[in-house]
Amino acid sequence: MAKIEKVCFEIETVTPMFLAGADGKTAELRPASLKGLLRYWWRALQAQSDLSKLRDKDAGIFGSIDRGGSFSIQIKHEPFKPTRNKLHNHPVPIEGKTFKINILNI
């Protein structure tokens, strides 16, 4: 049996994340979402002209229907309260009217 190595990371988000739980309102980060994000960026950084080799490497790391991946993710949630500190600088919307907010400036 292979030895399981445990590695812990403390992660801080520095860009907006749009995540919601089953109710569509509560912020919720799930292991599958984080693993999908890692897989996306791994694929983006690969320079592989042979697509079948790329798929094989991808499945070896992240898993596939046929086989498990080389790692799993568990998320420990610390209590937090989402904030919108900088929104107070924007005009208050009037009912029936909208205004633009650039999420990169929030």
PDB file of N, CA and C in Angstrom:
ATOM      1  N   MET A   1       0.841  -1.182   0.000  1.00  0.00           N
ATOM      2  CA  MET A   1       0.000   0.000   0.000  1.00  0.00           C
ATOM      3  C   MET A   1       0.886   1.246   0.000  1.00  0.00           C
ATOM      4  N   ALA A   2       0.538   2.208  -0.819  1.00  0.00           N
ATOM      5  CA  ALA A   2       1.324   3.435  -0.940  1.00  0.00           C
ATOM      6  C   ALA A   2       1.163   4.305   0.303  1.00  0.00           C
ATOM      7  N   LYS A   3       2.228   4.964   0.667  1.00  0.00           N
ATOM      8  CA  LYS A   3       2.207   5.872   1.804  1.00  0.00           C
ATOM      9  C   LYS A   3       1.466   7.142   1.400  1.00  0.00           C
ATOM     10  N   ILE A   4       0.560   7.592   2.238  1.00  0.00           N
ATOM     11  CA  ILE A   4      -0.198   8.809   1.965  1.00  0.00           C
ATOM     12  C   ILE A   4       0.500   9.971   2.651  1.00  0.00           C
ATOM     13  N   GLU A   5       0.836  10.958   1.876  1.00  0.00           N
ATOM     14  CA  GLU A   5       1.478  12.153   2.419  1.00  0.00           C
ATOM     15  C   GLU A   5       0.432  13.247   2.547  1.00  0.00           C
ATOM     16  N   LYS A   6       0.387  13.883   3.703  1.00  0.00           N
ATOM     17  CA  LYS A   6      -0.559  14.953   3.949  1.00  0.00           C
ATOM     18  C   LYS A   6       0.173  16.287   3.842  1.00  0.00           C
ATOM     19  N   VAL A   7      -0.353  17.174   3.027  1.00  0.00           N
ATOM     20  CA  VAL A   7       0.212  18.506   2.850  1.00  0.00           C
ATOM     21  C   VAL A   7      -0.907  19.503   3.096  1.00  0.00           C
ATOM     22  N   CYS A   8      -0.671  20.484   3.945  1.00  0.00           N
ATOM     23  CA  CYS A   8      -1.685  21.493   4.249  1.00  0.00           C
ATOM     24  C   CYS A   8      -1.263  22.844   3.683  1.00  0.00           C
ATOM     25  N   PHE A   9      -2.219  23.549   3.139  1.00  0.00           N
ATOM     26  CA  PHE A   9      -1.986  24.883   2.606  1.00  0.00           C
ATOM     27  C   PHE A   9      -2.996  25.840   3.217  1.00  0.00           C
ATOM     28  N   GLU A  10      -2.547  27.027   3.538  1.00  0.00           N
ATOM     29  CA  GLU A  10      -3.457  28.095   3.915  1.00  0.00           C
ATOM     30  C   GLU A  10      -3.571  28.987   2.689  1.00  0.00           C
ATOM     31  N   ILE A  11      -4.773  29.136   2.190  1.00  0.00           N
ATOM     32  CA  ILE A  11      -4.988  29.852   0.930  1.00  0.00           C
ATOM     33  C   ILE A  11      -5.771  31.123   1.184  1.00  0.00           C
ATOM     34  N   GLU A  12      -5.334  32.197   0.564  1.00  0.00           N
ATOM     35  CA  GLU A  12      -6.052  33.473   0.628  1.00  0.00           C
ATOM     36  C   GLU A  12      -6.441  33.850  -0.789  1.00  0.00           C
ATOM     37  N   THR A  13      -7.692  34.179  -0.990  1.00  0.00           N
ATOM     38  CA  THR A  13      -8.115  34.597  -2.322  1.00  0.00           C
ATOM     39  C   THR A  13      -7.779  36.073  -2.507  1.00  0.00           C
ATOM     40  N   VAL A  14      -7.270  36.392  -3.663  1.00  0.00           N
ATOM     41  CA  VAL A  14      -6.913  37.777  -3.955  1.00  0.00           C
ATOM     42  C   VAL A  14      -7.684  38.312  -5.162  1.00  0.00           C
ATOM     43  N   THR A  15      -8.509  37.483  -5.747  1.00  0.00           N
ATOM     44  CA  THR A  15      -9.368  37.900  -6.845  1.00  0.00           C
ATOM     45  C   THR A  15     -10.795  37.493  -6.499  1.00  0.00           C
ATOM     46  N   PRO A  16     -11.784  38.113  -7.112  1.00  0.00           N
ATOM     47  CA  PRO A  16     -13.173  37.751  -6.792  1.00  0.00           C
ATOM     48  C   PRO A  16     -13.456  36.285  -7.097  1.00  0.00           C
ATOM     49  N   MET A  17     -14.233  35.664  -6.227  1.00  0.00           N
ATOM     50  CA  MET A  17     -14.681  34.291  -6.448  1.00  0.00           C
ATOM     51  C   MET A  17     -16.203  34.294  -6.347  1.00  0.00           C
ATOM     52  N   PHE A  18     -16.835  33.679  -7.301  1.00  0.00           N
ATOM     53  CA  PHE A  18     -18.288  33.600  -7.296  1.00  0.00           C
ATOM     54  C   PHE A  18     -18.675  32.156  -7.014  1.00  0.00           C
ATOM     55  N   LEU A  19     -18.922  31.850  -5.759  1.00  0.00           N
ATOM     56  CA  LEU A  19     -19.242  30.493  -5.327  1.00  0.00           C
ATOM     57  C   LEU A  19     -20.522  30.536  -4.509  1.00  0.00           C
ATOM     58  N   ALA A  20     -21.362  29.553  -4.731  1.00  0.00           N
ATOM     59  CA  ALA A  20     -22.592  29.496  -3.942  1.00  0.00           C
ATOM     60  C   ALA A  20     -22.922  28.050  -3.636  1.00  0.00           C
ATOM     61  N   GLY A  21     -23.568  27.838  -2.517  1.00  0.00           N
ATOM     62  CA  GLY A  21     -23.996  26.507  -2.128  1.00  0.00           C
ATOM     63  C   GLY A  21     -25.302  26.136  -2.809  1.00  0.00           C
ATOM     64  N   ALA A  22     -25.946  25.127  -2.280  1.00  0.00           N
ATOM     65  CA  ALA A  22     -27.179  24.616  -2.878  1.00  0.00           C
ATOM     66  C   ALA A  22     -28.292  25.657  -2.885  1.00  0.00           C
ATOM     67  N   ASP A  23     -28.280  26.567  -1.904  1.00  0.00           N
ATOM     68  CA  ASP A  23     -29.341  27.571  -1.851  1.00  0.00           C
ATOM     69  C   ASP A  23     -29.101  28.743  -2.801  1.00  0.00           C
ATOM     70  N   GLY A  24     -27.917  28.806  -3.410  1.00  0.00           N
ATOM     71  CA  GLY A  24     -27.608  29.883  -4.350  1.00  0.00           C
ATOM     72  C   GLY A  24     -27.267  31.199  -3.687  1.00  0.00           C
ATOM     73  N   LYS A  25     -27.213  31.232  -2.362  1.00  0.00           N
ATOM     74  CA  LYS A  25     -26.960  32.486  -1.647  1.00  0.00           C
ATOM     75  C   LYS A  25     -25.739  32.411  -0.731  1.00  0.00           C
ATOM     76  N   THR A  26     -25.512  31.257  -0.138  1.00  0.00           N
ATOM     77  CA  THR A  26     -24.436  31.090   0.829  1.00  0.00           C
ATOM     78  C   THR A  26     -23.125  30.776   0.120  1.00  0.00           C
ATOM     79  N   ALA A  27     -22.074  31.514   0.453  1.00  0.00           N
ATOM     80  CA  ALA A  27     -20.757  31.246  -0.134  1.00  0.00           C
ATOM     81  C   ALA A  27     -20.270  29.884   0.328  1.00  0.00           C
ATOM     82  N   GLU A  28     -19.814  29.068  -0.631  1.00  0.00           N
ATOM     83  CA  GLU A  28     -19.374  27.719  -0.288  1.00  0.00           C
ATOM     84  C   GLU A  28     -18.288  27.267  -1.263  1.00  0.00           C
ATOM     85  N   LEU A  29     -17.136  26.913  -0.728  1.00  0.00           N
ATOM     86  CA  LEU A  29     -16.040  26.394  -1.539  1.00  0.00           C
ATOM     87  C   LEU A  29     -15.974  24.893  -1.327  1.00  0.00           C
ATOM     88  N   ARG A  30     -16.077  24.128  -2.408  1.00  0.00           N
ATOM     89  CA  ARG A  30     -16.063  22.669  -2.329  1.00  0.00           C
ATOM     90  C   ARG A  30     -14.770  22.138  -2.933  1.00  0.00           C
ATOM     91  N   PRO A  31     -14.316  20.966  -2.467  1.00  0.00           N
ATOM     92  CA  PRO A  31     -13.085  20.375  -3.006  1.00  0.00           C
ATOM     93  C   PRO A  31     -13.118  20.191  -4.532  1.00  0.00           C
ATOM     94  N   ALA A  32     -14.256  19.775  -5.075  1.00  0.00           N
ATOM     95  CA  ALA A  32     -14.346  19.564  -6.521  1.00  0.00           C
ATOM     96  C   ALA A  32     -14.136  20.871  -7.292  1.00  0.00           C
ATOM     97  N   SER A  33     -14.622  21.986  -6.745  1.00  0.00           N
ATOM     98  CA  SER A  33     -14.432  23.286  -7.396  1.00  0.00           C
ATOM     99  C   SER A  33     -12.960  23.680  -7.414  1.00  0.00           C
ATOM    100  N   LEU A  34     -12.285  23.484  -6.295  1.00  0.00           N
ATOM    101  CA  LEU A  34     -10.868  23.819  -6.206  1.00  0.00           C
ATOM    102  C   LEU A  34     -10.037  22.910  -7.115  1.00  0.00           C
ATOM    103  N   LYS A  35     -10.352  21.627  -7.117  1.00  0.00           N
ATOM    104  CA  LYS A  35      -9.632  20.678  -7.976  1.00  0.00           C
ATOM    105  C   LYS A  35      -9.859  21.028  -9.454  1.00  0.00           C
ATOM    106  N   GLY A  36     -11.071  21.421  -9.803  1.00  0.00           N
ATOM    107  CA  GLY A  36     -11.367  21.834 -11.175  1.00  0.00           C
ATOM    108  C   GLY A  36     -10.569  23.059 -11.581  1.00  0.00           C
ATOM    109  N   LEU A  37     -10.399  23.996 -10.653  1.00  0.00           N
ATOM    110  CA  LEU A  37      -9.607  25.190 -10.912  1.00  0.00           C
ATOM    111  C   LEU A  37      -8.140  24.835 -11.134  1.00  0.00           C
ATOM    112  N   LEU A  38      -7.608  23.950 -10.305  1.00  0.00           N
ATOM    113  CA  LEU A  38      -6.221  23.497 -10.470  1.00  0.00           C
ATOM    114  C   LEU A  38      -6.038  22.782 -11.808  1.00  0.00           C
ATOM    115  N   ARG A  39      -7.009  21.954 -12.153  1.00  0.00           N
ATOM    116  CA  ARG A  39      -6.951  21.224 -13.425  1.00  0.00           C
ATOM    117  C   ARG A  39      -6.968  22.217 -14.589  1.00  0.00           C
ATOM    118  N   TYR A  40      -7.816  23.221 -14.549  1.00  0.00           N
ATOM    119  CA  TYR A  40      -7.903  24.225 -15.610  1.00  0.00           C
ATOM    120  C   TYR A  40      -6.551  24.888 -15.843  1.00  0.00           C
ATOM    121  N   TRP A  41      -5.921  25.366 -14.758  1.00  0.00           N
ATOM    122  CA  TRP A  41      -4.646  26.073 -14.906  1.00  0.00           C
ATOM    123  C   TRP A  41      -3.517  25.123 -15.287  1.00  0.00           C
ATOM    124  N   TRP A  42      -3.550  23.886 -14.826  1.00  0.00           N
ATOM    125  CA  TRP A  42      -2.551  22.900 -15.244  1.00  0.00           C
ATOM    126  C   TRP A  42      -2.638  22.705 -16.752  1.00  0.00           C
ATOM    127  N   ARG A  43      -3.852  22.517 -17.256  1.00  0.00           N
ATOM    128  CA  ARG A  43      -4.032  22.341 -18.706  1.00  0.00           C
ATOM    129  C   ARG A  43      -3.565  23.573 -19.479  1.00  0.00           C
ATOM    130  N   ALA A  44      -3.866  24.751 -18.941  1.00  0.00           N
ATOM    131  CA  ALA A  44      -3.493  25.994 -19.629  1.00  0.00           C
ATOM    132  C   ALA A  44      -1.976  26.141 -19.753  1.00  0.00           C
ATOM    133  N   LEU A  45      -1.236  25.572 -18.814  1.00  0.00           N
ATOM    134  CA  LEU A  45       0.220  25.718 -18.808  1.00  0.00           C
ATOM    135  C   LEU A  45       0.970  24.606 -19.533  1.00  0.00           C
ATOM    136  N   GLN A  46       0.247  23.627 -20.052  1.00  0.00           N
ATOM    137  CA  GLN A  46       0.898  22.510 -20.739  1.00  0.00           C
ATOM    138  C   GLN A  46       1.195  22.853 -22.202  1.00  0.00           C
ATOM    139  N   ALA A  47       2.334  22.415 -22.656  1.00  0.00           N
ATOM    140  CA  ALA A  47       2.728  22.575 -24.060  1.00  0.00           C
ATOM    141  C   ALA A  47       2.879  21.178 -24.647  1.00  0.00           C
ATOM    142  N   GLN A  48       1.766  20.546 -24.920  1.00  0.00           N
ATOM    143  CA  GLN A  48       1.767  19.162 -25.395  1.00  0.00           C
ATOM    144  C   GLN A  48       1.020  19.101 -26.724  1.00  0.00           C
ATOM    145  N   SER A  49       1.716  18.721 -27.771  1.00  0.00           N
ATOM    146  CA  SER A  49       1.071  18.653 -29.091  1.00  0.00           C
ATOM    147  C   SER A  49       0.276  17.363 -29.269  1.00  0.00           C
ATOM    148  N   ASP A  50       0.616  16.314 -28.515  1.00  0.00           N
ATOM    149  CA  ASP A  50      -0.090  15.038 -28.604  1.00  0.00           C
ATOM    150  C   ASP A  50      -1.226  15.026 -27.584  1.00  0.00           C
ATOM    151  N   LEU A  51      -2.456  15.163 -28.078  1.00  0.00           N
ATOM    152  CA  LEU A  51      -3.612  15.272 -27.204  1.00  0.00           C
ATOM    153  C   LEU A  51      -3.825  14.023 -26.344  1.00  0.00           C
ATOM    154  N   SER A  52      -3.537  12.847 -26.878  1.00  0.00           N
ATOM    155  CA  SER A  52      -3.730  11.623 -26.084  1.00  0.00           C
ATOM    156  C   SER A  52      -2.744  11.563 -24.918  1.00  0.00           C
ATOM    157  N   LYS A  53      -1.519  12.044 -25.115  1.00  0.00           N
ATOM    158  CA  LYS A  53      -0.546  12.093 -24.011  1.00  0.00           C
ATOM    159  C   LYS A  53      -0.992  13.101 -22.953  1.00  0.00           C
ATOM    160  N   LEU A  54      -1.528  14.225 -23.417  1.00  0.00           N
ATOM    161  CA  LEU A  54      -2.015  15.250 -22.494  1.00  0.00           C
ATOM    162  C   LEU A  54      -3.168  14.690 -21.656  1.00  0.00           C
ATOM    163  N   ARG A  55      -4.108  14.010 -22.281  1.00  0.00           N
ATOM    164  CA  ARG A  55      -5.234  13.415 -21.556  1.00  0.00           C
ATOM    165  C   ARG A  55      -4.753  12.372 -20.551  1.00  0.00           C
ATOM    166  N   ASP A  56      -3.755  11.587 -20.930  1.00  0.00           N
ATOM    167  CA  ASP A  56      -3.223  10.560 -20.040  1.00  0.00           C
ATOM    168  C   ASP A  56      -2.553  11.183 -18.813  1.00  0.00           C
ATOM    169  N   LYS A  57      -1.752  12.230 -19.038  1.00  0.00           N
ATOM    170  CA  LYS A  57      -1.107  12.935 -17.915  1.00  0.00           C
ATOM    171  C   LYS A  57      -2.168  13.566 -17.006  1.00  0.00           C
ATOM    172  N   ASP A  58      -3.156  14.201 -17.626  1.00  0.00           N
ATOM    173  CA  ASP A  58      -4.237  14.848 -16.891  1.00  0.00           C
ATOM    174  C   ASP A  58      -4.953  13.841 -15.999  1.00  0.00           C
ATOM    175  N   ALA A  59      -5.326  12.690 -16.568  1.00  0.00           N
ATOM    176  CA  ALA A  59      -6.026  11.655 -15.809  1.00  0.00           C
ATOM    177  C   ALA A  59      -5.154  11.094 -14.685  1.00  0.00           C
ATOM    178  N   GLY A  60      -3.853  10.990 -14.915  1.00  0.00           N
ATOM    179  CA  GLY A  60      -2.943  10.495 -13.885  1.00  0.00           C
ATOM    180  C   GLY A  60      -2.852  11.412 -12.684  1.00  0.00           C
ATOM    181  N   ILE A  61      -2.962  12.707 -12.941  1.00  0.00           N
ATOM    182  CA  ILE A  61      -2.872  13.685 -11.854  1.00  0.00           C
ATOM    183  C   ILE A  61      -4.231  13.907 -11.194  1.00  0.00           C
ATOM    184  N   PHE A  62      -5.228  14.246 -12.015  1.00  0.00           N
ATOM    185  CA  PHE A  62      -6.523  14.686 -11.495  1.00  0.00           C
ATOM    186  C   PHE A  62      -7.592  13.603 -11.447  1.00  0.00           C
ATOM    187  N   GLY A  63      -7.333  12.474 -12.109  1.00  0.00           N
ATOM    188  CA  GLY A  63      -8.300  11.389 -12.120  1.00  0.00           C
ATOM    189  C   GLY A  63      -9.206  11.464 -13.340  1.00  0.00           C
ATOM    190  N   SER A  64      -9.909  10.383 -13.562  1.00  0.00           N
ATOM    191  CA  SER A  64     -10.859  10.288 -14.670  1.00  0.00           C
ATOM    192  C   SER A  64     -11.931   9.280 -14.285  1.00  0.00           C
ATOM    193  N   ILE A  65     -12.844   9.016 -15.190  1.00  0.00           N
ATOM    194  CA  ILE A  65     -13.892   8.031 -14.922  1.00  0.00           C
ATOM    195  C   ILE A  65     -13.270   6.660 -14.693  1.00  0.00           C
ATOM    196  N   ASP A  66     -12.198   6.354 -15.448  1.00  0.00           N
ATOM    197  CA  ASP A  66     -11.569   5.038 -15.398  1.00  0.00           C
ATOM    198  C   ASP A  66     -10.647   4.828 -14.194  1.00  0.00           C
ATOM    199  N   ARG A  67     -10.041   5.898 -13.701  1.00  0.00           N
ATOM    200  CA  ARG A  67      -9.063   5.737 -12.625  1.00  0.00           C
ATOM    201  C   ARG A  67      -9.053   6.958 -11.704  1.00  0.00           C
ATOM    202  N   GLY A  68      -8.566   6.727 -10.506  1.00  0.00           N
ATOM    203  CA  GLY A  68      -8.491   7.809  -9.534  1.00  0.00           C
ATOM    204  C   GLY A  68      -7.295   8.707  -9.804  1.00  0.00           C
ATOM    205  N   GLY A  69      -7.314   9.868  -9.220  1.00  0.00           N
ATOM    206  CA  GLY A  69      -6.211  10.805  -9.377  1.00  0.00           C
ATOM    207  C   GLY A  69      -5.099  10.526  -8.385  1.00  0.00           C
ATOM    208  N   SER A  70      -4.082  11.365  -8.423  1.00  0.00           N
ATOM    209  CA  SER A  70      -2.931  11.166  -7.549  1.00  0.00           C
ATOM    210  C   SER A  70      -3.049  11.934  -6.234  1.00  0.00           C
ATOM    211  N   PHE A  71      -4.143  12.689  -6.071  1.00  0.00           N
ATOM    212  CA  PHE A  71      -4.324  13.424  -4.817  1.00  0.00           C
ATOM    213  C   PHE A  71      -5.806  13.677  -4.569  1.00  0.00           C
ATOM    214  N   SER A  72      -6.113  14.002  -3.337  1.00  0.00           N
ATOM    215  CA  SER A  72      -7.475  14.401  -2.986  1.00  0.00           C
ATOM    216  C   SER A  72      -7.386  15.704  -2.194  1.00  0.00           C
ATOM    217  N   ILE A  73      -8.494  16.377  -2.104  1.00  0.00           N
ATOM    218  CA  ILE A  73      -8.530  17.680  -1.432  1.00  0.00           C
ATOM    219  C   ILE A  73      -9.600  17.653  -0.347  1.00  0.00           C
ATOM    220  N   GLN A  74      -9.248  18.159   0.815  1.00  0.00           N
ATOM    221  CA  GLN A  74     -10.213  18.398   1.885  1.00  0.00           C
ATOM    222  C   GLN A  74     -10.109  19.873   2.237  1.00  0.00           C
ATOM    223  N   ILE A  75     -11.243  20.488   2.491  1.00  0.00           N
ATOM    224  CA  ILE A  75     -11.262  21.909   2.824  1.00  0.00           C
ATOM    225  C   ILE A  75     -11.769  22.071   4.248  1.00  0.00           C
ATOM    226  N   LYS A  76     -10.982  22.766   5.053  1.00  0.00           N
ATOM    227  CA  LYS A  76     -11.387  23.088   6.415  1.00  0.00           C
ATOM    228  C   LYS A  76     -11.836  24.540   6.404  1.00  0.00           C
ATOM    229  N   HIS A  77     -13.086  24.749   6.689  1.00  0.00           N
ATOM    230  CA  HIS A  77     -13.630  26.107   6.664  1.00  0.00           C
ATOM    231  C   HIS A  77     -13.425  26.783   8.006  1.00  0.00           C
ATOM    232  N   GLU A  78     -12.813  27.929   7.965  1.00  0.00           N
ATOM    233  CA  GLU A  78     -12.698  28.777   9.143  1.00  0.00           C
ATOM    234  C   GLU A  78     -13.859  29.766   9.081  1.00  0.00           C
ATOM    235  N   PRO A  79     -14.370  30.174  10.225  1.00  0.00           N
ATOM    236  CA  PRO A  79     -15.461  31.156  10.199  1.00  0.00           C
ATOM    237  C   PRO A  79     -15.004  32.437   9.506  1.00  0.00           C
ATOM    238  N   PHE A  80     -15.831  32.944   8.633  1.00  0.00           N
ATOM    239  CA  PHE A  80     -15.524  34.199   7.958  1.00  0.00           C
ATOM    240  C   PHE A  80     -16.815  34.916   7.642  1.00  0.00           C
ATOM    241  N   LYS A  81     -16.674  36.197   7.432  1.00  0.00           N
ATOM    242  CA  LYS A  81     -17.826  37.005   7.063  1.00  0.00           C
ATOM    243  C   LYS A  81     -17.455  37.758   5.797  1.00  0.00           C
ATOM    244  N   PRO A  82     -18.108  37.451   4.666  1.00  0.00           N
ATOM    245  CA  PRO A  82     -17.796  38.174   3.433  1.00  0.00           C
ATOM    246  C   PRO A  82     -18.044  39.667   3.618  1.00  0.00           C
ATOM    247  N   THR A  83     -17.199  40.466   3.028  1.00  0.00           N
ATOM    248  CA  THR A  83     -17.354  41.918   3.144  1.00  0.00           C
ATOM    249  C   THR A  83     -17.429  42.551   1.768  1.00  0.00           C
ATOM    250  N   ARG A  84     -17.994  43.705   1.736  1.00  0.00           N
ATOM    251  CA  ARG A  84     -18.064  44.505   0.510  1.00  0.00           C
ATOM    252  C   ARG A  84     -17.640  45.936   0.877  1.00  0.00           C
ATOM    253  N   ASN A  85     -16.481  46.033   1.470  1.00  0.00           N
ATOM    254  CA  ASN A  85     -15.991  47.305   2.010  1.00  0.00           C
ATOM    255  C   ASN A  85     -16.066  48.464   1.032  1.00  0.00           C
ATOM    256  N   LYS A  86     -15.650  48.236  -0.191  1.00  0.00           N
ATOM    257  CA  LYS A  86     -15.496  49.348  -1.118  1.00  0.00           C
ATOM    258  C   LYS A  86     -16.780  49.725  -1.848  1.00  0.00           C
ATOM    259  N   LEU A  87     -17.848  48.964  -1.663  1.00  0.00           N
ATOM    260  CA  LEU A  87     -19.086  49.285  -2.362  1.00  0.00           C
ATOM    261  C   LEU A  87     -19.712  50.589  -1.885  1.00  0.00           C
ATOM    262  N   HIS A  88     -19.388  51.030  -0.676  1.00  0.00           N
ATOM    263  CA  HIS A  88     -19.993  52.260  -0.169  1.00  0.00           C
ATOM    264  C   HIS A  88     -19.589  53.485  -0.996  1.00  0.00           C
ATOM    265  N   ASN A  89     -18.544  53.375  -1.821  1.00  0.00           N
ATOM    266  CA  ASN A  89     -18.116  54.488  -2.663  1.00  0.00           C
ATOM    267  C   ASN A  89     -18.963  54.635  -3.921  1.00  0.00           C
ATOM    268  N   HIS A  90     -19.797  53.641  -4.205  1.00  0.00           N
ATOM    269  CA  HIS A  90     -20.611  53.666  -5.406  1.00  0.00           C
ATOM    270  C   HIS A  90     -21.983  54.231  -5.089  1.00  0.00           C
ATOM    271  N   PRO A  91     -22.637  54.852  -6.071  1.00  0.00           N
ATOM    272  CA  PRO A  91     -23.971  55.404  -5.819  1.00  0.00           C
ATOM    273  C   PRO A  91     -24.962  54.297  -5.450  1.00  0.00           C
ATOM    274  N   VAL A  92     -25.918  54.645  -4.629  1.00  0.00           N
ATOM    275  CA  VAL A  92     -26.937  53.685  -4.227  1.00  0.00           C
ATOM    276  C   VAL A  92     -27.924  53.534  -5.385  1.00  0.00           C
ATOM    277  N   PRO A  93     -28.232  52.268  -5.789  1.00  0.00           N
ATOM    278  CA  PRO A  93     -29.169  52.096  -6.888  1.00  0.00           C
ATOM    279  C   PRO A  93     -30.579  52.536  -6.506  1.00  0.00           C
ATOM    280  N   ILE A  94     -31.261  53.131  -7.437  1.00  0.00           N
ATOM    281  CA  ILE A  94     -32.646  53.538  -7.231  1.00  0.00           C
ATOM    282  C   ILE A  94     -33.507  52.446  -7.851  1.00  0.00           C
ATOM    283  N   GLU A  95     -34.609  52.140  -7.214  1.00  0.00           N
ATOM    284  CA  GLU A  95     -35.462  51.059  -7.712  1.00  0.00           C
ATOM    285  C   GLU A  95     -35.774  51.255  -9.191  1.00  0.00           C
ATOM    286  N   GLY A  96     -35.561  50.204  -9.971  1.00  0.00           N
ATOM    287  CA  GLY A  96     -35.833  50.269 -11.407  1.00  0.00           C
ATOM    288  C   GLY A  96     -34.664  50.797 -12.223  1.00  0.00           C
ATOM    289  N   LYS A  97     -33.617  51.265 -11.564  1.00  0.00           N
ATOM    290  CA  LYS A  97     -32.434  51.797 -12.245  1.00  0.00           C
ATOM    291  C   LYS A  97     -31.235  50.936 -11.887  1.00  0.00           C
ATOM    292  N   THR A  98     -30.239  50.923 -12.724  1.00  0.00           N
ATOM    293  CA  THR A  98     -29.026  50.169 -12.445  1.00  0.00           C
ATOM    294  C   THR A  98     -27.819  51.065 -12.614  1.00  0.00           C
ATOM    295  N   PHE A  99     -26.690  50.615 -12.088  1.00  0.00           N
ATOM    296  CA  PHE A  99     -25.424  51.290 -12.319  1.00  0.00           C
ATOM    297  C   PHE A  99     -24.347  50.243 -12.452  1.00  0.00           C
ATOM    298  N   LYS A 100     -23.264  50.585 -13.131  1.00  0.00           N
ATOM    299  CA  LYS A 100     -22.204  49.641 -13.398  1.00  0.00           C
ATOM    300  C   LYS A 100     -21.200  49.609 -12.258  1.00  0.00           C
ATOM    301  N   ILE A 101     -20.754  48.401 -11.929  1.00  0.00           N
ATOM    302  CA  ILE A 101     -19.698  48.217 -10.942  1.00  0.00           C
ATOM    303  C   ILE A 101     -18.661  47.314 -11.594  1.00  0.00           C
ATOM    304  N   ASN A 102     -17.432  47.762 -11.656  1.00  0.00           N
ATOM    305  CA  ASN A 102     -16.347  46.937 -12.174  1.00  0.00           C
ATOM    306  C   ASN A 102     -15.849  46.080 -11.025  1.00  0.00           C
ATOM    307  N   ILE A 103     -16.011  44.744 -11.124  1.00  0.00           N
ATOM    308  CA  ILE A 103     -15.623  43.881 -10.012  1.00  0.00           C
ATOM    309  C   ILE A 103     -14.135  43.941  -9.705  1.00  0.00           C
ATOM    310  N   LEU A 104     -13.335  44.401 -10.655  1.00  0.00           N
ATOM    311  CA  LEU A 104     -11.903  44.513 -10.397  1.00  0.00           C
ATOM    312  C   LEU A 104     -11.581  45.686  -9.493  1.00  0.00           C
ATOM    313  N   ASN A 105     -12.537  46.625  -9.341  1.00  0.00           N
ATOM    314  CA  ASN A 105     -12.320  47.780  -8.478  1.00  0.00           C
ATOM    315  C   ASN A 105     -12.919  47.601  -7.100  1.00  0.00           C
ATOM    316  N   ILE A 106     -13.592  46.492  -6.868  1.00  0.00           N
ATOM    317  CA  ILE A 106     -14.248  46.268  -5.566  1.00  0.00           C
ATOM    318  C   ILE A 106     -13.224  45.835  -4.545  1.00  0.00           C
TER     319      ILE A 106
END
